[in-house]
C-alpha atoms as a PDB file:
ATOM      1  CA  UNK A   1      47.574   0.852  42.736  1.00  0.00           C
ATOM      2  CA  UNK A   2      46.172  -2.469  43.937  1.00  0.00           C
ATOM      3  CA  UNK A   3      42.641  -3.691  43.171  1.00  0.00           C
ATOM      4  CA  UNK A   4      41.319  -3.031  46.694  1.00  0.00           C
ATOM      5  CA  UNK A   5      42.630   0.541  46.569  1.00  0.00           C
ATOM      6  CA  UNK A   6      40.962   1.101  43.158  1.00  0.00           C
ATOM      7  CA  UNK A   7      37.609  -0.125  44.509  1.00  0.00           C
ATOM      8  CA  UNK A   8      37.959   2.090  47.575  1.00  0.00           C
ATOM      9  CA  UNK A   9      38.759   5.159  45.450  1.00  0.00           C
ATOM     10  CA  UNK A  10      35.772   4.441  43.156  1.00  0.00           C
ATOM     11  CA  UNK A  11      33.403   4.065  46.096  1.00  0.00           C
ATOM     12  CA  UNK A  12      34.584   7.329  47.604  1.00  0.00           C
ATOM     13  CA  UNK A  13      34.276   9.154  44.258  1.00  0.00           C
ATOM     14  CA  UNK A  14      30.882   7.690  43.424  1.00  0.00           C
ATOM     15  CA  UNK A  15      29.526   8.291  46.882  1.00  0.00           C
ATOM     16  CA  UNK A  16      29.671   4.775  48.227  1.00  0.00           C
ATOM     17  CA  UNK A  17      28.115   1.558  46.973  1.00  0.00           C
ATOM     18  CA  UNK A  18      26.514   1.421  43.537  1.00  0.00           C
ATOM     19  CA  UNK A  19      22.733   1.399  44.115  1.00  0.00           C
ATOM     20  CA  UNK A  20      20.902  -1.751  42.994  1.00  0.00           C
ATOM     21  CA  UNK A  21      17.762  -1.445  40.883  1.00  0.00           C
ATOM     22  CA  UNK A  22      14.582  -2.299  42.680  1.00  0.00           C
ATOM     23  CA  UNK A  23      11.821  -4.349  41.102  1.00  0.00           C
ATOM     24  CA  UNK A  24       9.678  -1.205  40.908  1.00  0.00           C
ATOM     25  CA  UNK A  25      12.409   0.720  39.036  1.00  0.00           C
ATOM     26  CA  UNK A  26      12.942  -2.200  36.672  1.00  0.00           C
ATOM     27  CA  UNK A  27       9.188  -2.453  35.920  1.00  0.00           C
ATOM     28  CA  UNK A  28       8.952   1.297  35.259  1.00  0.00           C
ATOM     29  CA  UNK A  29      11.858   1.100  32.792  1.00  0.00           C
ATOM     30  CA  UNK A  30      10.206  -1.823  30.966  1.00  0.00           C
ATOM     31  CA  UNK A  31       6.875   0.019  30.872  1.00  0.00           C
ATOM     32  CA  UNK A  32       8.567   3.080  29.340  1.00  0.00           C
ATOM     33  CA  UNK A  33      10.269   0.889  26.721  1.00  0.00           C
ATOM     34  CA  UNK A  34       6.966  -0.797  25.772  1.00  0.00           C
ATOM     35  CA  UNK A  35       5.168   2.556  25.634  1.00  0.00           C
ATOM     36  CA  UNK A  36       7.870   4.008  23.377  1.00  0.00           C
ATOM     37  CA  UNK A  37       7.741   0.920  21.114  1.00  0.00           C
ATOM     38  CA  UNK A  38       3.927   1.182  20.983  1.00  0.00           C
ATOM     39  CA  UNK A  39       4.081   4.825  19.929  1.00  0.00           C
ATOM     40  CA  UNK A  40       6.619   4.019  17.197  1.00  0.00           C
ATOM     41  CA  UNK A  41       4.511   1.100  15.896  1.00  0.00           C
ATOM     42  CA  UNK A  42       1.372   3.278  16.017  1.00  0.00           C
ATOM     43  CA  UNK A  43       3.048   6.027  14.001  1.00  0.00           C
ATOM     44  CA  UNK A  44       4.472   3.491  11.542  1.00  0.00           C
ATOM     45  CA  UNK A  45       1.083   1.850  10.936  1.00  0.00           C
ATOM     46  CA  UNK A  46      -0.803   5.151  11.019  1.00  0.00           C
ATOM     47  CA  UNK A  47       1.267   7.198   8.595  1.00  0.00           C
ATOM     48  CA  UNK A  48       3.792   5.015   6.762  1.00  0.00           C
ATOM     49  CA  UNK A  49       2.330   1.552   6.106  1.00  0.00           C
ATOM     50  CA  UNK A  50      -0.977  -0.184   6.632  1.00  0.00           C
ATOM     51  CA  UNK A  51      -2.192  -3.767   6.207  1.00  0.00           C
ATOM     52  CA  UNK A  52      -5.088  -4.452   3.804  1.00  0.00           C
ATOM     53  CA  UNK A  53      -7.029  -7.516   2.658  1.00  0.00           C
ATOM     54  CA  UNK A  54      -8.024  -8.169  -0.954  1.00  0.00           C
ATOM     55  CA  UNK A  55     -11.793  -8.560  -1.198  1.00  0.00           C
ATOM     56  CA  UNK A  56     -12.976 -10.087  -4.463  1.00  0.00           C
ATOM     57  CA  UNK A  57     -11.560 -11.367  -7.731  1.00  0.00           C
ATOM     58  CA  UNK A  58     -11.052  -8.191  -9.776  1.00  0.00           C
ATOM     59  CA  UNK A  59      -7.243  -8.415  -9.496  1.00  0.00           C
ATOM     60  CA  UNK A  60      -6.902 -12.096 -10.501  1.00  0.00           C
ATOM     61  CA  UNK A  61      -4.467 -13.567 -11.398  1.00  0.00           C
ATOM     62  CA  UNK A  62      -2.088 -11.091  -9.715  1.00  0.00           C
ATOM     63  CA  UNK A  63      -3.933 -11.035  -6.381  1.00  0.00           C
ATOM     64  CA  UNK A  64      -6.444 -13.482  -4.976  1.00  0.00           C
ATOM     65  CA  UNK A  65      -9.448 -12.948  -2.731  1.00  0.00           C
ATOM     66  CA  UNK A  66      -8.225 -12.935   0.872  1.00  0.00           C
ATOM     67  CA  UNK A  67      -4.585 -12.027   0.154  1.00  0.00           C
ATOM     68  CA  UNK A  68      -3.042  -9.857   2.894  1.00  0.00           C
ATOM     69  CA  UNK A  69      -1.079  -6.849   1.660  1.00  0.00           C
ATOM     70  CA  UNK A  70       1.216  -4.208   3.117  1.00  0.00           C
ATOM     71  CA  UNK A  71       0.495  -0.771   1.655  1.00  0.00           C
ATOM     72  CA  UNK A  72       3.005   2.109   1.558  1.00  0.00           C
ATOM     73  CA  UNK A  73       1.279   5.446   2.281  1.00  0.00           C
ATOM     74  CA  UNK A  74       3.969   8.025   3.070  1.00  0.00           C
ATOM     75  CA  UNK A  75       4.754  10.444   0.232  1.00  0.00           C
ATOM     76  CA  UNK A  76       3.294   8.218  -2.460  1.00  0.00           C
ATOM     77  CA  UNK A  77       2.473   9.586  -5.935  1.00  0.00           C
ATOM     78  CA  UNK A  78       0.568   7.183  -8.240  1.00  0.00           C
ATOM     79  CA  UNK A  79       2.447   5.899 -11.286  1.00  0.00           C
ATOM     80  CA  UNK A  80       1.266   3.726 -14.189  1.00  0.00           C
ATOM     81  CA  UNK A  81       1.547   0.023 -13.407  1.00  0.00           C
ATOM     82  CA  UNK A  82       1.313   0.435  -9.624  1.00  0.00           C
ATOM     83  CA  UNK A  83      -1.205  -1.596  -7.640  1.00  0.00           C
ATOM     84  CA  UNK A  84      -3.035   0.870  -5.415  1.00  0.00           C
ATOM     85  CA  UNK A  85      -5.571   0.859  -2.615  1.00  0.00           C
ATOM     86  CA  UNK A  86      -8.369   3.381  -3.096  1.00  0.00           C
ATOM     87  CA  UNK A  87     -10.464   4.910  -0.321  1.00  0.00           C
ATOM     88  CA  UNK A  88     -14.150   4.186   0.225  1.00  0.00           C
ATOM     89  CA  UNK A  89     -15.070   7.457  -1.535  1.00  0.00           C
ATOM     90  CA  UNK A  90     -14.605   6.050  -5.046  1.00  0.00           C
ATOM     91  CA  UNK A  91     -18.298   5.564  -5.852  1.00  0.00           C
ATOM     92  CA  UNK A  92     -18.692   1.980  -4.658  1.00  0.00           C
ATOM     93  CA  UNK A  93     -18.517   2.796  -0.917  1.00  0.00           C
ATOM     94  CA  UNK A  94     -15.711   0.287  -0.374  1.00  0.00           C
ATOM     95  CA  UNK A  95     -11.931   0.237  -0.553  1.00  0.00           C
ATOM     96  CA  UNK A  96     -10.765  -0.975  -3.948  1.00  0.00           C
ATOM     97  CA  UNK A  97      -7.540  -2.631  -5.077  1.00  0.00           C
ATOM     98  CA  UNK A  98      -6.728  -1.705  -8.686  1.00  0.00           C
ATOM     99  CA  UNK A  99      -3.839  -1.103 -11.065  1.00  0.00           C
ATOM    100  CA  UNK A 100      -2.990   2.423 -12.261  1.00  0.00           C
ATOM    101  CA  UNK A 101      -3.308   2.532 -16.046  1.00  0.00           C
ATOM    102  CA  UNK A 102      -2.833   6.259 -16.660  1.00  0.00           C
ATOM    103  CA  UNK A 103      -2.266   9.481 -14.731  1.00  0.00           C
ATOM    104  CA  UNK A 104      -3.291  13.088 -15.339  1.00  0.00           C
ATOM    105  CA  UNK A 105      -2.760  14.277 -18.900  1.00  0.00           C
ATOM    106  CA  UNK A 106      -2.431  10.801 -20.422  1.00  0.00           C
ATOM    107  CA  UNK A 107      -4.874   9.476 -23.031  1.00  0.00           C
ATOM    108  CA  UNK A 108      -6.519   6.046 -22.633  1.00  0.00           C
ATOM    109  CA  UNK A 109      -7.970   3.995 -25.480  1.00  0.00           C
ATOM    110  CA  UNK A 110      -9.320   0.442 -25.814  1.00  0.00           C
ATOM    111  CA  UNK A 111      -8.947  -1.011 -29.301  1.00  0.00           C
ATOM    112  CA  UNK A 112     -11.245  -3.450 -31.124  1.00  0.00           C
ATOM    113  CA  UNK A 113      -9.252  -6.422 -29.763  1.00  0.00           C
ATOM    114  CA  UNK A 114      -9.830  -5.260 -26.180  1.00  0.00           C
ATOM    115  CA  UNK A 115      -6.225  -4.129 -25.685  1.00  0.00           C
ATOM    116  CA  UNK A 116      -5.426  -0.971 -23.737  1.00  0.00           C
ATOM    117  CA  UNK A 117      -3.424   1.879 -25.244  1.00  0.00           C
ATOM    118  CA  UNK A 118      -1.990   4.815 -23.322  1.00  0.00           C
ATOM    119  CA  UNK A 119      -0.860   7.841 -25.341  1.00  0.00           C
ATOM    120  CA  UNK A 120      -1.204   5.703 -28.473  1.00  0.00           C
ATOM    121  CA  UNK A 121       1.110   2.918 -27.275  1.00  0.00           C
ATOM    122  CA  UNK A 122      -0.320  -0.534 -26.616  1.00  0.00           C
ATOM    123  CA  UNK A 123       0.414  -1.658 -23.053  1.00  0.00           C
ATOM    124  CA  UNK A 124       2.356  -4.889 -22.552  1.00  0.00           C
ATOM    125  CA  UNK A 125       0.062  -6.359 -19.920  1.00  0.00           C
ATOM    126  CA  UNK A 126       1.432  -9.773 -19.026  1.00  0.00           C
ATOM    127  CA  UNK A 127      -0.400  -9.565 -15.703  1.00  0.00           C
ATOM    128  CA  UNK A 128      -4.017  -9.553 -16.985  1.00  0.00           C
ATOM    129  CA  UNK A 129      -6.424 -12.478 -16.894  1.00  0.00           C
ATOM    130  CA  UNK A 130      -7.680 -11.816 -20.451  1.00  0.00           C
ATOM    131  CA  UNK A 131      -8.293  -8.999 -22.914  1.00  0.00           C
ATOM    132  CA  UNK A 132     -11.394  -6.825 -22.516  1.00  0.00           C
ATOM    133  CA  UNK A 133     -14.457  -8.220 -24.264  1.00  0.00           C
ATOM    134  CA  UNK A 134     -17.048  -6.014 -25.985  1.00  0.00           C
ATOM    135  CA  UNK A 135     -19.367  -5.909 -22.952  1.00  0.00           C
ATOM    136  CA  UNK A 136     -16.672  -4.543 -20.624  1.00  0.00           C
ATOM    137  CA  UNK A 137     -15.356  -1.551 -22.547  1.00  0.00           C
ATOM    138  CA  UNK A 138     -17.210   0.691 -20.100  1.00  0.00           C
ATOM    139  CA  UNK A 139     -19.380   3.790 -20.370  1.00  0.00           C
ATOM    140  CA  UNK A 140     -16.887   6.145 -22.061  1.00  0.00           C
ATOM    141  CA  UNK A 141     -16.233   7.166 -25.633  1.00  0.00           C
ATOM    142  CA  UNK A 142     -12.569   6.390 -26.342  1.00  0.00           C
ATOM    143  CA  UNK A 143      -9.982   7.758 -26.532  1.00  0.00           C
ATOM    144  CA  UNK A 144     -10.273   9.872 -23.376  1.00  0.00           C
ATOM    145  CA  UNK A 145      -7.818  12.062 -21.515  1.00  0.00           C
ATOM    146  CA  UNK A 146      -7.324  11.733 -17.756  1.00  0.00           C
ATOM    147  CA  UNK A 147      -7.727  15.124 -16.029  1.00  0.00           C
ATOM    148  CA  UNK A 148      -4.785  16.502 -14.056  1.00  0.00           C
ATOM    149  CA  UNK A 149      -4.822  15.344 -10.436  1.00  0.00           C
ATOM    150  CA  UNK A 150      -6.707  12.148 -11.323  1.00  0.00           C
ATOM    151  CA  UNK A 151      -5.831   8.574 -12.307  1.00  0.00           C
ATOM    152  CA  UNK A 152      -7.477   5.897 -14.447  1.00  0.00           C
ATOM    153  CA  UNK A 153      -7.463   2.417 -12.866  1.00  0.00           C
ATOM    154  CA  UNK A 154      -8.446  -1.103 -13.905  1.00  0.00           C
ATOM    155  CA  UNK A 155      -8.502  -4.521 -12.306  1.00  0.00           C
ATOM    156  CA  UNK A 156      -6.246  -7.193 -13.819  1.00  0.00           C
ATOM    157  CA  UNK A 157      -9.304  -9.436 -14.251  1.00  0.00           C
ATOM    158  CA  UNK A 158     -10.638  -7.059 -16.897  1.00  0.00           C
ATOM    159  CA  UNK A 159     -13.971  -8.777 -17.527  1.00  0.00           C
ATOM    160  CA  UNK A 160     -14.821  -9.070 -13.827  1.00  0.00           C
ATOM    161  CA  UNK A 161     -13.769  -5.650 -12.526  1.00  0.00           C
ATOM    162  CA  UNK A 162     -15.731  -2.484 -11.839  1.00  0.00           C
ATOM    163  CA  UNK A 163     -13.189   0.283 -12.346  1.00  0.00           C
ATOM    164  CA  UNK A 164     -12.515   3.572 -14.153  1.00  0.00           C
ATOM    165  CA  UNK A 165     -14.106   2.243 -17.367  1.00  0.00           C
ATOM    166  CA  UNK A 166     -17.465   2.711 -15.653  1.00  0.00           C
ATOM    167  CA  UNK A 167     -18.808   6.121 -14.651  1.00  0.00           C
ATOM    168  CA  UNK A 168     -19.849   4.867 -11.195  1.00  0.00           C
ATOM    169  CA  UNK A 169     -16.099   4.786 -10.413  1.00  0.00           C
ATOM    170  CA  UNK A 170     -14.665   6.970 -13.183  1.00  0.00           C
ATOM    171  CA  UNK A 171     -11.486   8.950 -12.771  1.00  0.00           C
ATOM    172  CA  UNK A 172     -10.005   8.655  -9.283  1.00  0.00           C
ATOM    173  CA  UNK A 173      -8.854  11.803  -7.505  1.00  0.00           C
ATOM    174  CA  UNK A 174      -5.248  11.275  -6.378  1.00  0.00           C
ATOM    175  CA  UNK A 175      -6.392  12.266  -2.870  1.00  0.00           C
ATOM    176  CA  UNK A 176      -8.507   9.074  -2.834  1.00  0.00           C
ATOM    177  CA  UNK A 177      -5.401   6.878  -3.178  1.00  0.00           C
ATOM    178  CA  UNK A 178      -4.571   5.373   0.225  1.00  0.00           C
ATOM    179  CA  UNK A 179      -1.217   4.043  -1.002  1.00  0.00           C
ATOM    180  CA  UNK A 180       0.676   1.526  -3.103  1.00  0.00           C
ATOM    181  CA  UNK A 181       0.570  -2.212  -2.362  1.00  0.00           C
ATOM    182  CA  UNK A 182       4.212  -3.205  -1.912  1.00  0.00           C
ATOM    183  CA  UNK A 183       4.082  -6.684  -0.324  1.00  0.00           C
ATOM    184  CA  UNK A 184       1.811  -9.699  -0.271  1.00  0.00           C
ATOM    185  CA  UNK A 185       2.424 -11.237   3.166  1.00  0.00           C
ATOM    186  CA  UNK A 186      -0.284 -13.910   3.297  1.00  0.00           C
ATOM    187  CA  UNK A 187      -0.738 -16.606   2.320  1.00  0.00           C
ATOM    188  CA  UNK A 188       2.871 -17.363   3.221  1.00  0.00           C
ATOM    189  CA  UNK A 189       3.256 -19.578   0.139  1.00  0.00           C
ATOM    190  CA  UNK A 190       2.529 -16.515  -2.051  1.00  0.00           C
ATOM    191  CA  UNK A 191       4.696 -14.001  -0.160  1.00  0.00           C
ATOM    192  CA  UNK A 192       6.213 -11.564  -2.655  1.00  0.00           C
ATOM    193  CA  UNK A 193       7.172  -7.990  -3.421  1.00  0.00           C
ATOM    194  CA  UNK A 194       4.559  -6.428  -5.708  1.00  0.00           C
ATOM    195  CA  UNK A 195       5.719  -4.358  -8.664  1.00  0.00           C
END
């Protein structure tokens, strides 16, 4: 079959000429695509990840004031060592960025040298600014056991952090954990995956 015959057969089968898209049809298709993309981005940033800004120096040297973070929220269960974002209902009426030291059922102690022990084992905390001095041991009698469903958190800048060592914050209900900080995105020079 020759090319002209093929075209003729196609036009008869398809009902004639192939309709051209109008500007209106094209704009409607683009609008639908942008709407769909907007819904996906909204769901992603509403239920899976969220951006947060570090406010203060309690996580120095790991995080600096003004750092921009990406926080993973979906299906997150706090684990020791994680950097977490806490809701405004923690006793200080502001979102906090802290490190999980212990979870429900674990025992926390601070020895005479200001080092932290969990379940009797001294933590290897290469990330802290300095050991805890005598004035920053907090309001508790140590050792203490974290209740089930709660976590014990501290800032990496131990002598400049208001955290679970103080009763005004105390144990954090796991429901108060917004999520885990997974990325530092700004400043660009400090971009990194947080562990």
